[in-house]
Amino acid sequence: EPFLKELFESIAANPKMEVEVNLPEQTITNKATGKSEHFEINAYK
C-alpha cells in the first residue's frame, strides 16, 4: 500500500516520470524516488 501511494504521488507530481518493471529480477522501481519492491510471480508463468 505505501509503495502504491507513493507511485500515485510521483505520477501526480510528474506525469513523465517512469517506472521500471524487471521481470527476471522480479522488481519494480519508482524512478522518481529510486525506491524498489520485489514482487511475486508463479515460476511457470
ModelCIF file with pLDDT and N, C-alpha, C, O atoms, coordinates in Angstrom:
data_MODEL
#
_entry.id   MODEL 
#
_entity.id                         1 
_entity.type                       polymer 
_entity.pdbx_number_of_molecules   1 
#
_entity_poly.entity_id                      1 
_entity_poly.type                           'polypeptide(L)' 
_entity_poly.nstd_linkage                   no 
_entity_poly.nstd_monomer                   no 
_entity_poly.pdbx_seq_one_letter_code       EPFLKELFESIAANPKMEVEVNLPEQTITNKATGKSEHFEINAYK 
_entity_poly.pdbx_seq_one_letter_code_can   EPFLKELFESIAANPKMEVEVNLPEQTITNKATGKSEHFEINAYK 
_entity_poly.pdbx_strand_id                 A 
#
loop_
_entity_poly_seq.entity_id 
_entity_poly_seq.num 
_entity_poly_seq.mon_id 
_entity_poly_seq.hetero 
1 1  GLU n 
1 2  PRO n 
1 3  PHE n 
1 4  LEU n 
1 5  LYS n 
1 6  GLU n 
1 7  LEU n 
1 8  PHE n 
1 9  GLU n 
1 10 SER n 
1 11 ILE n 
1 12 ALA n 
1 13 ALA n 
1 14 ASN n 
1 15 PRO n 
1 16 LYS n 
1 17 MET n 
1 18 GLU n 
1 19 VAL n 
1 20 GLU n 
1 21 VAL n 
1 22 ASN n 
1 23 LEU n 
1 24 PRO n 
1 25 GLU n 
1 26 GLN n 
1 27 THR n 
1 28 ILE n 
1 29 THR n 
1 30 ASN n 
1 31 LYS n 
1 32 ALA n 
1 33 THR n 
1 34 GLY n 
1 35 LYS n 
1 36 SER n 
1 37 GLU n 
1 38 HIS n 
1 39 PHE n 
1 40 GLU n 
1 41 ILE n 
1 42 ASN n 
1 43 ALA n 
1 44 TYR n 
1 45 LYS n 
#
_struct_asym.id          A 
_struct_asym.entity_id   1 
#
loop_
_ma_qa_metric.id 
_ma_qa_metric.mode 
_ma_qa_metric.name 
_ma_qa_metric.software_group_id 
_ma_qa_metric.type 
1 global pLDDT . pLDDT 
2 local  pLDDT . pLDDT 
#
_ma_qa_metric_global.metric_id      1 
_ma_qa_metric_global.metric_value   96.44 
_ma_qa_metric_global.model_id       1 
_ma_qa_metric_global.ordinal_id     1 
#
loop_
_ma_qa_metric_local.label_asym_id 
_ma_qa_metric_local.label_comp_id 
_ma_qa_metric_local.label_seq_id 
_ma_qa_metric_local.metric_id 
_ma_qa_metric_local.metric_value 
_ma_qa_metric_local.model_id 
_ma_qa_metric_local.ordinal_id 
A GLU 1  2 97.00 1 1  
A PRO 2  2 97.00 1 2  
A PHE 3  2 98.00 1 3  
A LEU 4  2 97.00 1 4  
A LYS 5  2 97.00 1 5  
A GLU 6  2 97.00 1 6  
A LEU 7  2 97.00 1 7  
A PHE 8  2 97.00 1 8  
A GLU 9  2 97.00 1 9  
A SER 10 2 97.00 1 10 
A ILE 11 2 97.00 1 11 
A ALA 12 2 96.00 1 12 
A ALA 13 2 97.00 1 13 
A ASN 14 2 97.00 1 14 
A PRO 15 2 97.00 1 15 
A LYS 16 2 97.00 1 16 
A MET 17 2 97.00 1 17 
A GLU 18 2 98.00 1 18 
A VAL 19 2 98.00 1 19 
A GLU 20 2 98.00 1 20 
A VAL 21 2 97.00 1 21 
A ASN 22 2 97.00 1 22 
A LEU 23 2 96.00 1 23 
A PRO 24 2 96.00 1 24 
A GLU 25 2 96.00 1 25 
A GLN 26 2 97.00 1 26 
A THR 27 2 98.00 1 27 
A ILE 28 2 98.00 1 28 
A THR 29 2 98.00 1 29 
A ASN 30 2 98.00 1 30 
A LYS 31 2 97.00 1 31 
A ALA 32 2 96.00 1 32 
A THR 33 2 97.00 1 33 
A GLY 34 2 96.00 1 34 
A LYS 35 2 97.00 1 35 
A SER 36 2 97.00 1 36 
A GLU 37 2 98.00 1 37 
A HIS 38 2 97.00 1 38 
A PHE 39 2 97.00 1 39 
A GLU 40 2 95.00 1 40 
A ILE 41 2 95.00 1 41 
A ASN 42 2 91.00 1 42 
A ALA 43 2 92.00 1 43 
A TYR 44 2 90.00 1 44 
A LYS 45 2 91.00 1 45 
#
loop_
_atom_site.group_PDB 
_atom_site.id 
_atom_site.type_symbol 
_atom_site.label_atom_id 
_atom_site.label_alt_id 
_atom_site.label_comp_id 
_atom_site.label_asym_id 
_atom_site.label_entity_id 
_atom_site.label_seq_id 
_atom_site.pdbx_PDB_ins_code 
_atom_site.Cartn_x 
_atom_site.Cartn_y 
_atom_site.Cartn_z 
_atom_site.occupancy 
_atom_site.B_iso_or_equiv 
_atom_site.pdbx_formal_charge 
_atom_site.auth_seq_id 
_atom_site.auth_comp_id 
_atom_site.auth_asym_id 
_atom_site.auth_atom_id 
_atom_site.pdbx_PDB_model_num 
ATOM 1   N N  . GLU A 1 1  ? 0.828  -1.217  0.000   1.00 97.00 ? 1  GLU A N  1 
ATOM 2   C CA . GLU A 1 1  ? 0.000  0.000   0.000   1.00 97.00 ? 1  GLU A CA 1 
ATOM 3   C C  . GLU A 1 1  ? 0.869  1.277   0.000   1.00 97.00 ? 1  GLU A C  1 
ATOM 4   O O  . GLU A 1 1  ? 0.592  2.194   -0.773  1.00 97.00 ? 1  GLU A O  1 
ATOM 5   N N  . PRO A 1 2  ? 1.918  1.356   0.854   1.00 97.00 ? 2  PRO A N  1 
ATOM 6   C CA . PRO A 1 2  ? 2.749  2.580   0.844   1.00 97.00 ? 2  PRO A CA 1 
ATOM 7   C C  . PRO A 1 2  ? 3.454  2.810   -0.493  1.00 97.00 ? 2  PRO A C  1 
ATOM 8   O O  . PRO A 1 2  ? 3.574  3.951   -0.941  1.00 97.00 ? 2  PRO A O  1 
ATOM 9   N N  . PHE A 1 3  ? 3.921  1.738   -1.130  1.00 98.00 ? 3  PHE A N  1 
ATOM 10  C CA . PHE A 1 3  ? 4.601  1.869   -2.427  1.00 98.00 ? 3  PHE A CA 1 
ATOM 11  C C  . PHE A 1 3  ? 3.616  2.373   -3.478  1.00 98.00 ? 3  PHE A C  1 
ATOM 12  O O  . PHE A 1 3  ? 3.950  3.236   -4.290  1.00 98.00 ? 3  PHE A O  1 
ATOM 13  N N  . LEU A 1 4  ? 2.397  1.826   -3.454  1.00 97.00 ? 4  LEU A N  1 
ATOM 14  C CA . LEU A 1 4  ? 1.369  2.242   -4.411  1.00 97.00 ? 4  LEU A CA 1 
ATOM 15  C C  . LEU A 1 4  ? 1.023  3.719   -4.211  1.00 97.00 ? 4  LEU A C  1 
ATOM 16  O O  . LEU A 1 4  ? 0.905  4.475   -5.175  1.00 97.00 ? 4  LEU A O  1 
ATOM 17  N N  . LYS A 1 5  ? 0.865  4.115   -2.957  1.00 97.00 ? 5  LYS A N  1 
ATOM 18  C CA . LYS A 1 5  ? 0.526  5.509   -2.628  1.00 97.00 ? 5  LYS A CA 1 
ATOM 19  C C  . LYS A 1 5  ? 1.615  6.448   -3.157  1.00 97.00 ? 5  LYS A C  1 
ATOM 20  O O  . LYS A 1 5  ? 1.327  7.488   -3.748  1.00 97.00 ? 5  LYS A O  1 
ATOM 21  N N  . GLU A 1 6  ? 2.860  6.058   -2.931  1.00 97.00 ? 6  GLU A N  1 
ATOM 22  C CA . GLU A 1 6  ? 3.984  6.888   -3.391  1.00 97.00 ? 6  GLU A CA 1 
ATOM 23  C C  . GLU A 1 6  ? 4.029  6.957   -4.920  1.00 97.00 ? 6  GLU A C  1 
ATOM 24  O O  . GLU A 1 6  ? 4.371  7.991   -5.493  1.00 97.00 ? 6  GLU A O  1 
ATOM 25  N N  . LEU A 1 7  ? 3.682  5.856   -5.566  1.00 97.00 ? 7  LEU A N  1 
ATOM 26  C CA . LEU A 1 7  ? 3.648  5.816   -7.027  1.00 97.00 ? 7  LEU A CA 1 
ATOM 27  C C  . LEU A 1 7  ? 2.625  6.824   -7.557  1.00 97.00 ? 7  LEU A C  1 
ATOM 28  O O  . LEU A 1 7  ? 2.919  7.598   -8.468  1.00 97.00 ? 7  LEU A O  1 
ATOM 29  N N  . PHE A 1 8  ? 1.428  6.806   -6.980  1.00 97.00 ? 8  PHE A N  1 
ATOM 30  C CA . PHE A 1 8  ? 0.395  7.774   -7.388  1.00 97.00 ? 8  PHE A CA 1 
ATOM 31  C C  . PHE A 1 8  ? 0.874  9.207   -7.167  1.00 97.00 ? 8  PHE A C  1 
ATOM 32  O O  . PHE A 1 8  ? 0.636  10.083  -7.999  1.00 97.00 ? 8  PHE A O  1 
ATOM 33  N N  . GLU A 1 9  ? 1.547  9.440   -6.044  1.00 97.00 ? 9  GLU A N  1 
ATOM 34  C CA . GLU A 1 9  ? 2.055  10.791  -5.735  1.00 97.00 ? 9  GLU A CA 1 
ATOM 35  C C  . GLU A 1 9  ? 3.121  11.214  -6.736  1.00 97.00 ? 9  GLU A C  1 
ATOM 36  O O  . GLU A 1 9  ? 3.137  12.363  -7.178  1.00 97.00 ? 9  GLU A O  1 
ATOM 37  N N  . SER A 1 10 ? 4.011  10.294  -7.097  1.00 97.00 ? 10 SER A N  1 
ATOM 38  C CA . SER A 1 10 ? 5.079  10.591  -8.064  1.00 97.00 ? 10 SER A CA 1 
ATOM 39  C C  . SER A 1 10 ? 4.507  10.912  -9.439  1.00 97.00 ? 10 SER A C  1 
ATOM 40  O O  . SER A 1 10 ? 4.976  11.829  -10.113 1.00 97.00 ? 10 SER A O  1 
ATOM 41  N N  . ILE A 1 11 ? 3.481  10.146  -9.859  1.00 97.00 ? 11 ILE A N  1 
ATOM 42  C CA . ILE A 1 11 ? 2.857  10.379  -11.173 1.00 97.00 ? 11 ILE A CA 1 
ATOM 43  C C  . ILE A 1 11 ? 2.147  11.737  -11.176 1.00 97.00 ? 11 ILE A C  1 
ATOM 44  O O  . ILE A 1 11 ? 2.216  12.481  -12.155 1.00 97.00 ? 11 ILE A O  1 
ATOM 45  N N  . ALA A 1 12 ? 1.465  12.051  -10.072 1.00 96.00 ? 12 ALA A N  1 
ATOM 46  C CA . ALA A 1 12 ? 0.753  13.339  -9.970  1.00 96.00 ? 12 ALA A CA 1 
ATOM 47  C C  . ALA A 1 12 ? 1.742  14.503  -10.033 1.00 96.00 ? 12 ALA A C  1 
ATOM 48  O O  . ALA A 1 12 ? 1.464  15.534  -10.645 1.00 96.00 ? 12 ALA A O  1 
ATOM 49  N N  . ALA A 1 13 ? 2.898  14.325  -9.393  1.00 97.00 ? 13 ALA A N  1 
ATOM 50  C CA . ALA A 1 13 ? 3.917  15.387  -9.368  1.00 97.00 ? 13 ALA A CA 1 
ATOM 51  C C  . ALA A 1 13 ? 4.581  15.560  -10.727 1.00 97.00 ? 13 ALA A C  1 
ATOM 52  O O  . ALA A 1 13 ? 4.921  16.674  -11.125 1.00 97.00 ? 13 ALA A O  1 
ATOM 53  N N  . ASN A 1 14 ? 4.766  14.424  -11.451 1.00 97.00 ? 14 ASN A N  1 
ATOM 54  C CA . ASN A 1 14 ? 5.402  14.475  -12.767 1.00 97.00 ? 14 ASN A CA 1 
ATOM 55  C C  . ASN A 1 14 ? 4.886  13.332  -13.642 1.00 97.00 ? 14 ASN A C  1 
ATOM 56  O O  . ASN A 1 14 ? 5.385  12.211  -13.553 1.00 97.00 ? 14 ASN A O  1 
ATOM 57  N N  . PRO A 1 15 ? 3.883  13.611  -14.494 1.00 97.00 ? 15 PRO A N  1 
ATOM 58  C CA . PRO A 1 15 ? 3.313  12.559  -15.344 1.00 97.00 ? 15 PRO A CA 1 
ATOM 59  C C  . PRO A 1 15 ? 4.328  11.900  -16.286 1.00 97.00 ? 15 PRO A C  1 
ATOM 60  O O  . PRO A 1 15 ? 4.050  10.839  -16.845 1.00 97.00 ? 15 PRO A O  1 
ATOM 61  N N  . LYS A 1 16 ? 5.486  12.512  -16.464 1.00 97.00 ? 16 LYS A N  1 
ATOM 62  C CA . LYS A 1 16 ? 6.509  11.930  -17.354 1.00 97.00 ? 16 LYS A CA 1 
ATOM 63  C C  . LYS A 1 16 ? 7.483  11.026  -16.599 1.00 97.00 ? 16 LYS A C  1 
ATOM 64  O O  . LYS A 1 16 ? 8.395  10.455  -17.197 1.00 97.00 ? 16 LYS A O  1 
ATOM 65  N N  . MET A 1 17 ? 7.286  10.895  -15.271 1.00 97.00 ? 17 MET A N  1 
ATOM 66  C CA . MET A 1 17 ? 8.167  10.001  -14.509 1.00 97.00 ? 17 MET A CA 1 
ATOM 67  C C  . MET A 1 17 ? 7.985  8.566   -14.990 1.00 97.00 ? 17 MET A C  1 
ATOM 68  O O  . MET A 1 17 ? 6.925  8.198   -15.496 1.00 97.00 ? 17 MET A O  1 
ATOM 69  N N  . GLU A 1 18 ? 9.038  7.756   -14.824 1.00 98.00 ? 18 GLU A N  1 
ATOM 70  C CA . GLU A 1 18 ? 8.989  6.383   -15.327 1.00 98.00 ? 18 GLU A CA 1 
ATOM 71  C C  . GLU A 1 18 ? 9.088  5.359   -14.207 1.00 98.00 ? 18 GLU A C  1 
ATOM 72  O O  . GLU A 1 18 ? 9.615  5.622   -13.126 1.00 98.00 ? 18 GLU A O  1 
ATOM 73  N N  . VAL A 1 19 ? 8.566  4.198   -14.508 1.00 98.00 ? 19 VAL A N  1 
ATOM 74  C CA . VAL A 1 19 ? 8.659  3.048   -13.618 1.00 98.00 ? 19 VAL A CA 1 
ATOM 75  C C  . VAL A 1 19 ? 9.360  1.935   -14.395 1.00 98.00 ? 19 VAL A C  1 
ATOM 76  O O  . VAL A 1 19 ? 9.084  1.713   -15.574 1.00 98.00 ? 19 VAL A O  1 
ATOM 77  N N  . GLU A 1 20 ? 10.264 1.247   -13.716 1.00 98.00 ? 20 GLU A N  1 
ATOM 78  C CA . GLU A 1 20 ? 10.936 0.096   -14.343 1.00 98.00 ? 20 GLU A CA 1 
ATOM 79  C C  . GLU A 1 20 ? 10.402 -1.179  -13.719 1.00 98.00 ? 20 GLU A C  1 
ATOM 80  O O  . GLU A 1 20 ? 10.416 -1.347  -12.499 1.00 98.00 ? 20 GLU A O  1 
ATOM 81  N N  . VAL A 1 21 ? 9.932  -2.075  -14.575 1.00 97.00 ? 21 VAL A N  1 
ATOM 82  C CA . VAL A 1 21 ? 9.478  -3.386  -14.126 1.00 97.00 ? 21 VAL A CA 1 
ATOM 83  C C  . VAL A 1 21 ? 10.445 -4.408  -14.699 1.00 97.00 ? 21 VAL A C  1 
ATOM 84  O O  . VAL A 1 21 ? 10.532 -4.592  -15.913 1.00 97.00 ? 21 VAL A O  1 
ATOM 85  N N  . ASN A 1 22 ? 11.169 -5.068  -13.809 1.00 97.00 ? 22 ASN A N  1 
ATOM 86  C CA . ASN A 1 22 ? 12.201 -6.027  -14.191 1.00 97.00 ? 22 ASN A CA 1 
ATOM 87  C C  . ASN A 1 22 ? 11.690 -7.426  -13.855 1.00 97.00 ? 22 ASN A C  1 
ATOM 88  O O  . ASN A 1 22 ? 11.720 -7.850  -12.700 1.00 97.00 ? 22 ASN A O  1 
ATOM 89  N N  . LEU A 1 23 ? 11.219 -8.137  -14.883 1.00 96.00 ? 23 LEU A N  1 
ATOM 90  C CA . LEU A 1 23 ? 10.658 -9.471  -14.648 1.00 96.00 ? 23 LEU A CA 1 
ATOM 91  C C  . LEU A 1 23 ? 11.721 -10.481 -14.223 1.00 96.00 ? 23 LEU A C  1 
ATOM 92  O O  . LEU A 1 23 ? 11.470 -11.241 -13.288 1.00 96.00 ? 23 LEU A O  1 
ATOM 93  N N  . PRO A 1 24 ? 12.909 -10.533 -14.864 1.00 96.00 ? 24 PRO A N  1 
ATOM 94  C CA . PRO A 1 24 ? 13.909 -11.510 -14.415 1.00 96.00 ? 24 PRO A CA 1 
ATOM 95  C C  . PRO A 1 24 ? 14.242 -11.363 -12.926 1.00 96.00 ? 24 PRO A C  1 
ATOM 96  O O  . PRO A 1 24 ? 14.378 -12.358 -12.215 1.00 96.00 ? 24 PRO A O  1 
ATOM 97  N N  . GLU A 1 25 ? 14.371 -10.108 -12.459 1.00 96.00 ? 25 GLU A N  1 
ATOM 98  C CA . GLU A 1 25 ? 14.719 -9.865  -11.052 1.00 96.00 ? 25 GLU A CA 1 
ATOM 99  C C  . GLU A 1 25 ? 13.483 -9.793  -10.150 1.00 96.00 ? 25 GLU A C  1 
ATOM 100 O O  . GLU A 1 25 ? 13.597 -9.816  -8.924  1.00 96.00 ? 25 GLU A O  1 
ATOM 101 N N  . GLN A 1 26 ? 12.299 -9.706  -10.773 1.00 97.00 ? 26 GLN A N  1 
ATOM 102 C CA . GLN A 1 26 ? 11.036 -9.550  -10.051 1.00 97.00 ? 26 GLN A CA 1 
ATOM 103 C C  . GLN A 1 26 ? 11.035 -8.297  -9.168  1.00 97.00 ? 26 GLN A C  1 
ATOM 104 O O  . GLN A 1 26 ? 10.662 -8.335  -7.996  1.00 97.00 ? 26 GLN A O  1 
ATOM 105 N N  . THR A 1 27 ? 11.470 -7.178  -9.780  1.00 98.00 ? 27 THR A N  1 
ATOM 106 C CA . THR A 1 27 ? 11.466 -5.915  -9.038  1.00 98.00 ? 27 THR A CA 1 
ATOM 107 C C  . THR A 1 27 ? 10.710 -4.846  -9.817  1.00 98.00 ? 27 THR A C  1 
ATOM 108 O O  . THR A 1 27 ? 10.651 -4.870  -11.046 1.00 98.00 ? 27 THR A O  1 
ATOM 109 N N  . ILE A 1 28 ? 10.134 -3.911  -9.071  1.00 98.00 ? 28 ILE A N  1 
ATOM 110 C CA . ILE A 1 28 ? 9.514  -2.727  -9.651  1.00 98.00 ? 28 ILE A CA 1 
ATOM 111 C C  . ILE A 1 28 ? 10.163 -1.522  -8.986  1.00 98.00 ? 28 ILE A C  1 
ATOM 112 O O  . ILE A 1 28 ? 10.290 -1.475  -7.763  1.00 98.00 ? 28 ILE A O  1 
ATOM 113 N N  . THR A 1 29 ? 10.573 -0.546  -9.795  1.00 98.00 ? 29 THR A N  1 
ATOM 114 C CA . THR A 1 29 ? 11.280 0.624   -9.277  1.00 98.00 ? 29 THR A CA 1 
ATOM 115 C C  . THR A 1 29 ? 10.581 1.908   -9.695  1.00 98.00 ? 29 THR A C  1 
ATOM 116 O O  . THR A 1 29 ? 10.302 2.126   -10.874 1.00 98.00 ? 29 THR A O  1 
ATOM 117 N N  . ASN A 1 30 ? 10.307 2.746   -8.719  1.00 98.00 ? 30 ASN A N  1 
ATOM 118 C CA . ASN A 1 30 ? 9.792  4.092   -8.958  1.00 98.00 ? 30 ASN A CA 1 
ATOM 119 C C  . ASN A 1 30 ? 11.019 4.956   -9.254  1.00 98.00 ? 30 ASN A C  1 
ATOM 120 O O  . ASN A 1 30 ? 11.774 5.294   -8.342  1.00 98.00 ? 30 ASN A O  1 
ATOM 121 N N  . LYS A 1 31 ? 11.221 5.314   -10.522 1.00 97.00 ? 31 LYS A N  1 
ATOM 122 C CA . LYS A 1 31 ? 12.453 6.015   -10.908 1.00 97.00 ? 31 LYS A CA 1 
ATOM 123 C C  . LYS A 1 31 ? 12.483 7.460   -10.396 1.00 97.00 ? 31 LYS A C  1 
ATOM 124 O O  . LYS A 1 31 ? 13.536 8.097   -10.399 1.00 97.00 ? 31 LYS A O  1 
ATOM 125 N N  . ALA A 1 32 ? 11.327 7.977   -9.957  1.00 96.00 ? 32 ALA A N  1 
ATOM 126 C CA . ALA A 1 32 ? 11.293 9.333   -9.401  1.00 96.00 ? 32 ALA A CA 1 
ATOM 127 C C  . ALA A 1 32 ? 11.897 9.371   -7.998  1.00 96.00 ? 32 ALA A C  1 
ATOM 128 O O  . ALA A 1 32 ? 12.515 10.360  -7.603  1.00 96.00 ? 32 ALA A O  1 
ATOM 129 N N  . THR A 1 33 ? 11.709 8.271   -7.244  1.00 97.00 ? 33 THR A N  1 
ATOM 130 C CA . THR A 1 33 ? 12.217 8.232   -5.862  1.00 97.00 ? 33 THR A CA 1 
ATOM 131 C C  . THR A 1 33 ? 13.370 7.252   -5.690  1.00 97.00 ? 33 THR A C  1 
ATOM 132 O O  . THR A 1 33 ? 14.094 7.305   -4.696  1.00 97.00 ? 33 THR A O  1 
ATOM 133 N N  . GLY A 1 34 ? 13.540 6.348   -6.669  1.00 96.00 ? 34 GLY A N  1 
ATOM 134 C CA . GLY A 1 34 ? 14.584 5.326   -6.559  1.00 96.00 ? 34 GLY A CA 1 
ATOM 135 C C  . GLY A 1 34 ? 14.174 4.132   -5.717  1.00 96.00 ? 34 GLY A C  1 
ATOM 136 O O  . GLY A 1 34 ? 14.958 3.199   -5.543  1.00 96.00 ? 34 GLY A O  1 
ATOM 137 N N  . LYS A 1 35 ? 12.957 4.150   -5.192  1.00 97.00 ? 35 LYS A N  1 
ATOM 138 C CA . LYS A 1 35 ? 12.520 3.038   -4.330  1.00 97.00 ? 35 LYS A CA 1 
ATOM 139 C C  . LYS A 1 35 ? 12.076 1.851   -5.173  1.00 97.00 ? 35 LYS A C  1 
ATOM 140 O O  . LYS A 1 35 ? 11.445 2.002   -6.220  1.00 97.00 ? 35 LYS A O  1 
ATOM 141 N N  . SER A 1 36 ? 12.429 0.656   -4.679  1.00 97.00 ? 36 SER A N  1 
ATOM 142 C CA . SER A 1 36 ? 12.086 -0.593  -5.367  1.00 97.00 ? 36 SER A CA 1 
ATOM 143 C C  . SER A 1 36 ? 11.363 -1.536  -4.430  1.00 97.00 ? 36 SER A C  1 
ATOM 144 O O  . SER A 1 36 ? 11.517 -1.472  -3.211  1.00 97.00 ? 36 SER A O  1 
ATOM 145 N N  . GLU A 1 37 ? 10.572 -2.412  -5.022  1.00 98.00 ? 37 GLU A N  1 
ATOM 146 C CA . GLU A 1 37 ? 9.973  -3.518  -4.271  1.00 98.00 ? 37 GLU A CA 1 
ATOM 147 C C  . GLU A 1 37 ? 10.096 -4.787  -5.093  1.00 98.00 ? 37 GLU A C  1 
ATOM 148 O O  . GLU A 1 37 ? 10.144 -4.757  -6.323  1.00 98.00 ? 37 GLU A O  1 
ATOM 149 N N  . HIS A 1 38 ? 10.144 -5.899  -4.382  1.00 97.00 ? 38 HIS A N  1 
ATOM 150 C CA . HIS A 1 38 ? 10.166 -7.218  -5.008  1.00 97.00 ? 38 HIS A CA 1 
ATOM 151 C C  . HIS A 1 38 ? 8.717  -7.667  -5.174  1.00 97.00 ? 38 HIS A C  1 
ATOM 152 O O  . HIS A 1 38 ? 7.892  -7.415  -4.295  1.00 97.00 ? 38 HIS A O  1 
ATOM 153 N N  . PHE A 1 39 ? 8.391  -8.332  -6.291  1.00 97.00 ? 39 PHE A N  1 
ATOM 154 C CA . PHE A 1 39 ? 7.034  -8.864  -6.450  1.00 97.00 ? 39 PHE A CA 1 
ATOM 155 C C  . PHE A 1 39 ? 7.086  -10.358 -6.740  1.00 97.00 ? 39 PHE A C  1 
ATOM 156 O O  . PHE A 1 39 ? 8.076  -10.875 -7.256  1.00 97.00 ? 39 PHE A O  1 
ATOM 157 N N  . GLU A 1 40 ? 6.005  -11.031 -6.399  1.00 95.00 ? 40 GLU A N  1 
ATOM 158 C CA . GLU A 1 40 ? 5.916  -12.478 -6.593  1.00 95.00 ? 40 GLU A CA 1 
ATOM 159 C C  . GLU A 1 40 ? 5.271  -12.796 -7.940  1.00 95.00 ? 40 GLU A C  1 
ATOM 160 O O  . GLU A 1 40 ? 4.423  -12.048 -8.427  1.00 95.00 ? 40 GLU A O  1 
ATOM 161 N N  . ILE A 1 41 ? 5.682  -13.904 -8.528  1.00 95.00 ? 41 ILE A N  1 
ATOM 162 C CA . ILE A 1 41 ? 5.028  -14.413 -9.740  1.00 95.00 ? 41 ILE A CA 1 
ATOM 163 C C  . ILE A 1 41 ? 5.251  -15.918 -9.792  1.00 95.00 ? 41 ILE A C  1 
ATOM 164 O O  . ILE A 1 41 ? 6.319  -16.410 -9.426  1.00 95.00 ? 41 ILE A O  1 
ATOM 165 N N  . ASN A 1 42 ? 4.250  -16.635 -10.244 1.00 91.00 ? 42 ASN A N  1 
ATOM 166 C CA . ASN A 1 42 ? 4.348  -18.074 -10.429 1.00 91.00 ? 42 ASN A CA 1 
ATOM 167 C C  . ASN A 1 42 ? 5.510  -18.367 -11.393 1.00 91.00 ? 42 ASN A C  1 
ATOM 168 O O  . ASN A 1 42 ? 5.624  -17.740 -12.446 1.00 91.00 ? 42 ASN A O  1 
ATOM 169 N N  . ALA A 1 43 ? 6.367  -19.324 -11.021 1.00 92.00 ? 43 ALA A N  1 
ATOM 170 C CA . ALA A 1 43 ? 7.586  -19.600 -11.799 1.00 92.00 ? 43 ALA A CA 1 
ATOM 171 C C  . ALA A 1 43 ? 7.269  -20.026 -13.244 1.00 92.00 ? 43 ALA A C  1 
ATOM 172 O O  . ALA A 1 43 ? 7.972  -19.638 -14.176 1.00 92.00 ? 43 ALA A O  1 
ATOM 173 N N  . TYR A 1 44 ? 6.217  -20.818 -13.418 1.00 90.00 ? 44 TYR A N  1 
ATOM 174 C CA . TYR A 1 44 ? 5.827  -21.261 -14.769 1.00 90.00 ? 44 TYR A CA 1 
ATOM 175 C C  . TYR A 1 44 ? 5.385  -20.070 -15.614 1.00 90.00 ? 44 TYR A C  1 
ATOM 176 O O  . TYR A 1 44 ? 5.775  -19.942 -16.775 1.00 90.00 ? 44 TYR A O  1 
ATOM 177 N N  . LYS A 1 45 ? 4.551  -19.186 -15.010 1.00 91.00 ? 45 LYS A N  1 
ATOM 178 C CA . LYS A 1 45 ? 4.068  -18.010 -15.752 1.00 91.00 ? 45 LYS A CA 1 
ATOM 179 C C  . LYS A 1 45 ? 5.223  -17.063 -16.087 1.00 91.00 ? 45 LYS A C  1 
ATOM 180 O O  . LYS A 1 45 ? 5.008  -16.022 -16.708 1.00 91.00 ? 45 LYS A O  1 
#
